[in-house]
PDB file of N, CA and C in Angstrom:
ATOM      1  N   UNK A   1      17.335  24.829  11.197  1.00  0.00           N
ATOM      2  CA  UNK A   1      17.932  23.516  11.394  1.00  0.00           C
ATOM      3  C   UNK A   1      18.834  23.214  10.204  1.00  0.00           C
ATOM      4  N   UNK A   2      19.928  22.577  10.475  1.00  0.00           N
ATOM      5  CA  UNK A   2      20.883  22.210   9.445  1.00  0.00           C
ATOM      6  C   UNK A   2      20.234  21.249   8.451  1.00  0.00           C
ATOM      7  N   UNK A   3      20.526  21.486   7.168  1.00  0.00           N
ATOM      8  CA  UNK A   3      19.918  20.665   6.119  1.00  0.00           C
ATOM      9  C   UNK A   3      20.329  19.195   6.237  1.00  0.00           C
ATOM     10  N   UNK A   4      21.582  18.931   6.642  1.00  0.00           N
ATOM     11  CA  UNK A   4      22.027  17.541   6.811  1.00  0.00           C
ATOM     12  C   UNK A   4      21.265  16.851   7.927  1.00  0.00           C
ATOM     13  N   UNK A   5      20.990  17.584   9.012  1.00  0.00           N
ATOM     14  CA  UNK A   5      20.242  16.995  10.121  1.00  0.00           C
ATOM     15  C   UNK A   5      18.829  16.630   9.674  1.00  0.00           C
ATOM     16  N   UNK A   6      18.227  17.478   8.844  1.00  0.00           N
ATOM     17  CA  UNK A   6      16.887  17.179   8.333  1.00  0.00           C
ATOM     18  C   UNK A   6      16.919  15.917   7.479  1.00  0.00           C
ATOM     19  N   UNK A   7      17.942  15.769   6.663  1.00  0.00           N
ATOM     20  CA  UNK A   7      18.055  14.556   5.840  1.00  0.00           C
ATOM     21  C   UNK A   7      18.222  13.314   6.711  1.00  0.00           C
ATOM     22  N   UNK A   8      19.018  13.417   7.780  1.00  0.00           N
ATOM     23  CA  UNK A   8      19.160  12.285   8.704  1.00  0.00           C
ATOM     24  C   UNK A   8      17.824  11.945   9.354  1.00  0.00           C
ATOM     25  N   UNK A   9      17.063  12.963   9.715  1.00  0.00           N
ATOM     26  CA  UNK A   9      15.758  12.727  10.327  1.00  0.00           C
ATOM     27  C   UNK A   9      14.792  12.081   9.335  1.00  0.00           C
ATOM     28  N   UNK A  10      14.868  12.466   8.071  1.00  0.00           N
ATOM     29  CA  UNK A  10      14.031  11.835   7.045  1.00  0.00           C
ATOM     30  C   UNK A  10      14.393  10.358   6.886  1.00  0.00           C
ATOM     31  N   UNK A  11      15.681  10.062   6.886  1.00  0.00           N
ATOM     32  CA  UNK A  11      16.128   8.666   6.772  1.00  0.00           C
ATOM     33  C   UNK A  11      15.694   7.882   8.007  1.00  0.00           C
ATOM     34  N   UNK A  12      15.821   8.501   9.185  1.00  0.00           N
ATOM     35  CA  UNK A  12      15.408   7.837  10.429  1.00  0.00           C
ATOM     36  C   UNK A  12      13.907   7.532  10.385  1.00  0.00           C
ATOM     37  N   UNK A  13      13.108   8.476   9.912  1.00  0.00           N
ATOM     38  CA  UNK A  13      11.666   8.253   9.788  1.00  0.00           C
ATOM     39  C   UNK A  13      11.353   7.124   8.827  1.00  0.00           C
ATOM     40  N   UNK A  14      12.070   7.075   7.708  1.00  0.00           N
ATOM     41  CA  UNK A  14      11.859   5.996   6.734  1.00  0.00           C
ATOM     42  C   UNK A  14      12.227   4.650   7.337  1.00  0.00           C
ATOM     43  N   UNK A  15      13.301   4.616   8.125  1.00  0.00           N
ATOM     44  CA  UNK A  15      13.696   3.363   8.766  1.00  0.00           C
ATOM     45  C   UNK A  15      12.649   2.918   9.792  1.00  0.00           C
ATOM     46  N   UNK A  16      12.048   3.870  10.512  1.00  0.00           N
ATOM     47  CA  UNK A  16      10.984   3.512  11.459  1.00  0.00           C
ATOM     48  C   UNK A  16       9.799   2.891  10.732  1.00  0.00           C
ATOM     49  N   UNK A  17       9.404   3.493   9.612  1.00  0.00           N
ATOM     50  CA  UNK A  17       8.277   2.957   8.839  1.00  0.00           C
ATOM     51  C   UNK A  17       8.605   1.568   8.308  1.00  0.00           C
ATOM     52  N   UNK A  18       9.801   1.395   7.757  1.00  0.00           N
ATOM     53  CA  UNK A  18      10.189   0.082   7.234  1.00  0.00           C
ATOM     54  C   UNK A  18      10.249  -0.970   8.341  1.00  0.00           C
ATOM     55  N   UNK A  19      10.741  -0.579   9.519  1.00  0.00           N
ATOM     56  CA  UNK A  19      10.783  -1.523  10.641  1.00  0.00           C
ATOM     57  C   UNK A  19       9.367  -1.888  11.084  1.00  0.00           C
ATOM     58  N   UNK A  20       8.463  -0.913  11.070  1.00  0.00           N
ATOM     59  CA  UNK A  20       7.075  -1.196  11.413  1.00  0.00           C
ATOM     60  C   UNK A  20       6.432  -2.167  10.448  1.00  0.00           C
ATOM     61  N   UNK A  21       6.721  -1.996   9.164  1.00  0.00           N
ATOM     62  CA  UNK A  21       6.171  -2.907   8.152  1.00  0.00           C
ATOM     63  C   UNK A  21       6.759  -4.314   8.332  1.00  0.00           C
ATOM     64  N   UNK A  22       8.064  -4.391   8.554  1.00  0.00           N
ATOM     65  CA  UNK A  22       8.696  -5.700   8.755  1.00  0.00           C
ATOM     66  C   UNK A  22       8.171  -6.371  10.016  1.00  0.00           C
ATOM     67  N   UNK A  23       7.985  -5.592  11.068  1.00  0.00           N
ATOM     68  CA  UNK A  23       7.474  -6.134  12.330  1.00  0.00           C
ATOM     69  C   UNK A  23       6.043  -6.642  12.168  1.00  0.00           C
ATOM     70  N   UNK A  24       5.255  -5.953  11.335  1.00  0.00           N
ATOM     71  CA  UNK A  24       3.878  -6.370  11.083  1.00  0.00           C
ATOM     72  C   UNK A  24       3.828  -7.789  10.525  1.00  0.00           C
ATOM     73  N   UNK A  25       4.746  -8.113   9.615  1.00  0.00           N
ATOM     74  CA  UNK A  25       4.763  -9.450   9.028  1.00  0.00           C
ATOM     75  C   UNK A  25       5.434 -10.477   9.936  1.00  0.00           C
ATOM     76  N   UNK A  26       6.153 -10.024  10.941  1.00  0.00           N
ATOM     77  CA  UNK A  26       6.836 -10.933  11.867  1.00  0.00           C
ATOM     78  C   UNK A  26       5.931 -11.343  13.034  1.00  0.00           C
ATOM     79  N   UNK A  27       4.899 -10.553  13.327  1.00  0.00           N
ATOM     80  CA  UNK A  27       4.040 -10.817  14.489  1.00  0.00           C
ATOM     81  C   UNK A  27       3.404 -12.212  14.445  1.00  0.00           C
ATOM     82  N   UNK A  28       2.801 -12.655  13.331  1.00  0.00           N
ATOM     83  CA  UNK A  28       2.201 -14.002  13.345  1.00  0.00           C
ATOM     84  C   UNK A  28       3.205 -15.115  13.655  1.00  0.00           C
ATOM     85  N   UNK A  29       4.434 -14.977  13.163  1.00  0.00           N
ATOM     86  CA  UNK A  29       5.442 -15.997  13.456  1.00  0.00           C
ATOM     87  C   UNK A  29       5.832 -15.976  14.928  1.00  0.00           C
ATOM     88  N   UNK A  30       5.941 -14.791  15.479  1.00  0.00           N
ATOM     89  CA  UNK A  30       6.280 -14.678  16.904  1.00  0.00           C
ATOM     90  C   UNK A  30       5.138 -15.219  17.766  1.00  0.00           C
ATOM     91  N   UNK A  31       3.917 -14.958  17.371  1.00  0.00           N
ATOM     92  CA  UNK A  31       2.773 -15.428  18.146  1.00  0.00           C
ATOM     93  C   UNK A  31       2.653 -16.946  18.096  1.00  0.00           C
ATOM     94  N   UNK A  32       3.090 -17.541  17.004  1.00  0.00           N
ATOM     95  CA  UNK A  32       3.079 -19.012  16.934  1.00  0.00           C
ATOM     96  C   UNK A  32       3.969 -19.596  18.027  1.00  0.00           C
ATOM     97  N   UNK A  33       5.121 -18.950  18.249  1.00  0.00           N
ATOM     98  CA  UNK A  33       6.017 -19.409  19.315  1.00  0.00           C
ATOM     99  C   UNK A  33       5.427 -19.136  20.687  1.00  0.00           C
ATOM    100  N   UNK A  34       4.753 -17.994  20.848  1.00  0.00           N
ATOM    101  CA  UNK A  34       4.162 -17.642  22.143  1.00  0.00           C
ATOM    102  C   UNK A  34       3.014 -18.586  22.473  1.00  0.00           C
ATOM    103  N   UNK A  35       2.230 -18.969  21.467  1.00  0.00           N
ATOM    104  CA  UNK A  35       1.096 -19.870  21.697  1.00  0.00           C
ATOM    105  C   UNK A  35       1.546 -21.252  22.149  1.00  0.00           C
ATOM    106  N   UNK A  36       2.785 -21.629  21.840  1.00  0.00           N
ATOM    107  CA  UNK A  36       3.267 -22.942  22.261  1.00  0.00           C
ATOM    108  C   UNK A  36       3.471 -22.997  23.771  1.00  0.00           C
ATOM    109  N   UNK A  37       3.566 -21.835  24.414  1.00  0.00           N
ATOM    110  CA  UNK A  37       3.674 -21.767  25.866  1.00  0.00           C
ATOM    111  C   UNK A  37       2.258 -21.846  26.436  1.00  0.00           C
ATOM    112  N   UNK A  38       2.089 -22.585  27.491  1.00  0.00           N
ATOM    113  CA  UNK A  38       0.777 -22.701  28.114  1.00  0.00           C
ATOM    114  C   UNK A  38       0.347 -21.347  28.681  1.00  0.00           C
ATOM    115  N   UNK A  39      -0.721 -20.791  28.139  1.00  0.00           N
ATOM    116  CA  UNK A  39      -1.253 -19.534  28.661  1.00  0.00           C
ATOM    117  C   UNK A  39      -2.716 -19.416  28.262  1.00  0.00           C
ATOM    118  N   UNK A  40      -3.423 -18.506  28.901  1.00  0.00           N
ATOM    119  CA  UNK A  40      -4.846 -18.349  28.632  1.00  0.00           C
ATOM    120  C   UNK A  40      -5.064 -17.527  27.369  1.00  0.00           C
ATOM    121  N   UNK A  41      -6.275 -17.609  26.833  1.00  0.00           N
ATOM    122  CA  UNK A  41      -6.582 -16.867  25.614  1.00  0.00           C
ATOM    123  C   UNK A  41      -6.601 -15.358  25.874  1.00  0.00           C
ATOM    124  N   UNK A  42      -6.901 -14.959  27.109  1.00  0.00           N
ATOM    125  CA  UNK A  42      -6.891 -13.534  27.427  1.00  0.00           C
ATOM    126  C   UNK A  42      -5.466 -12.982  27.364  1.00  0.00           C
ATOM    127  N   UNK A  43      -4.508 -13.757  27.843  1.00  0.00           N
ATOM    128  CA  UNK A  43      -3.116 -13.333  27.764  1.00  0.00           C
ATOM    129  C   UNK A  43      -2.661 -13.245  26.310  1.00  0.00           C
ATOM    130  N   UNK A  44      -3.059 -14.200  25.495  1.00  0.00           N
ATOM    131  CA  UNK A  44      -2.697 -14.199  24.079  1.00  0.00           C
ATOM    132  C   UNK A  44      -3.293 -12.968  23.398  1.00  0.00           C
ATOM    133  N   UNK A  45      -4.532 -12.655  23.697  1.00  0.00           N
ATOM    134  CA  UNK A  45      -5.170 -11.465  23.126  1.00  0.00           C
ATOM    135  C   UNK A  45      -4.457 -10.190  23.533  1.00  0.00           C
ATOM    136  N   UNK A  46      -4.036 -10.122  24.797  1.00  0.00           N
ATOM    137  CA  UNK A  46      -3.322  -8.942  25.272  1.00  0.00           C
ATOM    138  C   UNK A  46      -1.965  -8.808  24.584  1.00  0.00           C
ATOM    139  N   UNK A  47      -1.292  -9.930  24.360  1.00  0.00           N
ATOM    140  CA  UNK A  47       0.007  -9.904  23.676  1.00  0.00           C
ATOM    141  C   UNK A  47      -0.175  -9.446  22.232  1.00  0.00           C
ATOM    142  N   UNK A  48      -1.212  -9.959  21.546  1.00  0.00           N
ATOM    143  CA  UNK A  48      -1.517  -9.485  20.198  1.00  0.00           C
ATOM    144  C   UNK A  48      -1.733  -7.976  20.195  1.00  0.00           C
ATOM    145  N   UNK A  49      -2.546  -7.495  21.134  1.00  0.00           N
ATOM    146  CA  UNK A  49      -2.843  -6.069  21.226  1.00  0.00           C
ATOM    147  C   UNK A  49      -1.563  -5.255  21.410  1.00  0.00           C
ATOM    148  N   UNK A  50      -0.712  -5.673  22.309  1.00  0.00           N
ATOM    149  CA  UNK A  50       0.527  -4.936  22.590  1.00  0.00           C
ATOM    150  C   UNK A  50       1.463  -4.915  21.380  1.00  0.00           C
ATOM    151  N   UNK A  51       1.614  -6.057  20.727  1.00  0.00           N
ATOM    152  CA  UNK A  51       2.505  -6.109  19.572  1.00  0.00           C
ATOM    153  C   UNK A  51       2.009  -5.229  18.431  1.00  0.00           C
ATOM    154  N   UNK A  52       0.702  -5.273  18.170  1.00  0.00           N
ATOM    155  CA  UNK A  52       0.170  -4.426  17.096  1.00  0.00           C
ATOM    156  C   UNK A  52       0.187  -2.947  17.496  1.00  0.00           C
ATOM    157  N   UNK A  53       0.064  -2.643  18.777  1.00  0.00           N
ATOM    158  CA  UNK A  53       0.170  -1.258  19.236  1.00  0.00           C
ATOM    159  C   UNK A  53       1.602  -0.739  19.043  1.00  0.00           C
ATOM    160  N   UNK A  54       2.589  -1.556  19.351  1.00  0.00           N
ATOM    161  CA  UNK A  54       3.987  -1.181  19.108  1.00  0.00           C
ATOM    162  C   UNK A  54       4.217  -0.955  17.615  1.00  0.00           C
ATOM    163  N   UNK A  55       3.674  -1.845  16.804  1.00  0.00           N
ATOM    164  CA  UNK A  55       3.813  -1.732  15.362  1.00  0.00           C
ATOM    165  C   UNK A  55       3.178  -0.438  14.848  1.00  0.00           C
ATOM    166  N   UNK A  56       2.000  -0.141  15.339  1.00  0.00           N
ATOM    167  CA  UNK A  56       1.323   1.096  14.944  1.00  0.00           C
ATOM    168  C   UNK A  56       2.134   2.317  15.365  1.00  0.00           C
ATOM    169  N   UNK A  57       2.725   2.257  16.545  1.00  0.00           N
ATOM    170  CA  UNK A  57       3.563   3.357  17.016  1.00  0.00           C
ATOM    171  C   UNK A  57       4.777   3.579  16.127  1.00  0.00           C
ATOM    172  N   UNK A  58       5.409   2.497  15.688  1.00  0.00           N
ATOM    173  CA  UNK A  58       6.553   2.613  14.787  1.00  0.00           C
ATOM    174  C   UNK A  58       6.159   3.279  13.468  1.00  0.00           C
ATOM    175  N   UNK A  59       5.073   2.815  12.887  1.00  0.00           N
ATOM    176  CA  UNK A  59       4.667   3.339  11.585  1.00  0.00           C
ATOM    177  C   UNK A  59       4.195   4.785  11.693  1.00  0.00           C
ATOM    178  N   UNK A  60       3.339   5.072  12.658  1.00  0.00           N
ATOM    179  CA  UNK A  60       2.824   6.440  12.806  1.00  0.00           C
ATOM    180  C   UNK A  60       3.949   7.408  13.187  1.00  0.00           C
ATOM    181  N   UNK A  61       4.829   6.990  14.076  1.00  0.00           N
ATOM    182  CA  UNK A  61       5.952   7.839  14.456  1.00  0.00           C
ATOM    183  C   UNK A  61       6.867   8.134  13.283  1.00  0.00           C
ATOM    184  N   UNK A  62       7.138   7.127  12.470  1.00  0.00           N
ATOM    185  CA  UNK A  62       7.972   7.325  11.291  1.00  0.00           C
ATOM    186  C   UNK A  62       7.334   8.252  10.277  1.00  0.00           C
ATOM    187  N   UNK A  63       6.033   8.084  10.050  1.00  0.00           N
ATOM    188  CA  UNK A  63       5.325   8.941   9.099  1.00  0.00           C
ATOM    189  C   UNK A  63       5.297  10.384   9.604  1.00  0.00           C
ATOM    190  N   UNK A  64       5.053  10.569  10.904  1.00  0.00           N
ATOM    191  CA  UNK A  64       5.058  11.923  11.464  1.00  0.00           C
ATOM    192  C   UNK A  64       6.425  12.578  11.315  1.00  0.00           C
ATOM    193  N   UNK A  65       7.481  11.820  11.567  1.00  0.00           N
ATOM    194  CA  UNK A  65       8.841  12.346  11.456  1.00  0.00           C
ATOM    195  C   UNK A  65       9.148  12.720  10.009  1.00  0.00           C
ATOM    196  N   UNK A  66       8.765  11.884   9.072  1.00  0.00           N
ATOM    197  CA  UNK A  66       8.987  12.178   7.657  1.00  0.00           C
ATOM    198  C   UNK A  66       8.212  13.426   7.259  1.00  0.00           C
ATOM    199  N   UNK A  67       6.947  13.499   7.637  1.00  0.00           N
ATOM    200  CA  UNK A  67       6.097  14.626   7.258  1.00  0.00           C
ATOM    201  C   UNK A  67       6.630  15.940   7.829  1.00  0.00           C
ATOM    202  N   UNK A  68       6.979  15.955   9.116  1.00  0.00           N
ATOM    203  CA  UNK A  68       7.449  17.187   9.762  1.00  0.00           C
ATOM    204  C   UNK A  68       8.773  17.653   9.169  1.00  0.00           C
ATOM    205  N   UNK A  69       9.690  16.742   8.944  1.00  0.00           N
ATOM    206  CA  UNK A  69      10.999  17.133   8.422  1.00  0.00           C
ATOM    207  C   UNK A  69      10.942  17.456   6.935  1.00  0.00           C
ATOM    208  N   UNK A  70      10.031  16.844   6.212  1.00  0.00           N
ATOM    209  CA  UNK A  70       9.863  17.187   4.798  1.00  0.00           C
ATOM    210  C   UNK A  70       9.341  18.614   4.676  1.00  0.00           C
ATOM    211  N   UNK A  71       8.407  18.981   5.565  1.00  0.00           N
ATOM    212  CA  UNK A  71       7.907  20.358   5.561  1.00  0.00           C
ATOM    213  C   UNK A  71       9.029  21.341   5.885  1.00  0.00           C
ATOM    214  N   UNK A  72       9.887  21.021   6.860  1.00  0.00           N
ATOM    215  CA  UNK A  72      11.027  21.882   7.196  1.00  0.00           C
ATOM    216  C   UNK A  72      11.975  22.018   6.016  1.00  0.00           C
ATOM    217  N   UNK A  73      12.212  20.916   5.327  1.00  0.00           N
ATOM    218  CA  UNK A  73      13.113  20.937   4.182  1.00  0.00           C
ATOM    219  C   UNK A  73      12.545  21.813   3.073  1.00  0.00           C
ATOM    220  N   UNK A  74      11.262  21.692   2.796  1.00  0.00           N
ATOM    221  CA  UNK A  74      10.627  22.515   1.758  1.00  0.00           C
ATOM    222  C   UNK A  74      10.639  23.990   2.161  1.00  0.00           C
ATOM    223  N   UNK A  75      10.415  24.270   3.439  1.00  0.00           N
ATOM    224  CA  UNK A  75      10.429  25.648   3.924  1.00  0.00           C
ATOM    225  C   UNK A  75      11.816  26.259   3.755  1.00  0.00           C
ATOM    226  N   UNK A  76      12.865  25.484   4.040  1.00  0.00           N
ATOM    227  CA  UNK A  76      14.231  25.966   3.862  1.00  0.00           C
ATOM    228  C   UNK A  76      14.544  26.208   2.395  1.00  0.00           C
ATOM    229  N   UNK A  77      14.059  25.317   1.518  1.00  0.00           N
ATOM    230  CA  UNK A  77      14.308  25.492   0.077  1.00  0.00           C
ATOM    231  C   UNK A  77      13.619  26.744  -0.456  1.00  0.00           C
ATOM    232  N   UNK A  78      12.426  27.059   0.023  1.00  0.00           N
ATOM    233  CA  UNK A  78      11.726  28.247  -0.465  1.00  0.00           C
ATOM    234  C   UNK A  78      12.342  29.519   0.110  1.00  0.00           C
ATOM    235  N   UNK A  79      12.920  29.455   1.309  1.00  0.00           N
ATOM    236  CA  UNK A  79      13.564  30.642   1.896  1.00  0.00           C
ATOM    237  C   UNK A  79      14.874  30.957   1.196  1.00  0.00           C
ATOM    238  N   UNK A  80      15.586  29.953   0.718  1.00  0.00           N
ATOM    239  CA  UNK A  80      16.871  30.169   0.084  1.00  0.00           C
ATOM    240  C   UNK A  80      16.755  30.452  -1.395  1.00  0.00           C
ATOM    241  N   UNK A  81      15.619  30.178  -1.976  1.00  0.00           N
ATOM    242  CA  UNK A  81      15.446  30.366  -3.434  1.00  0.00           C
ATOM    243  C   UNK A  81      15.182  31.801  -3.792  1.00  0.00           C
TER     244      UNK A  81
END
């Protein structure tokens, strides 16, 4: 794989992790707006679950992308050295 593509993938992974962290702190504010709408507590619980699941997916996906591409980058550096 091209070294530049690996660097882009590392940056993309870092952006996913940062977006996951930012989204984590945004969820309570978003839920405050959702709670103002008349709905049952079961619906609110399901919305909390979905939002935190999306957040977990962003963070885990970003970390996996960083880890996999970092290993590729190190493997390329050892092959060329």
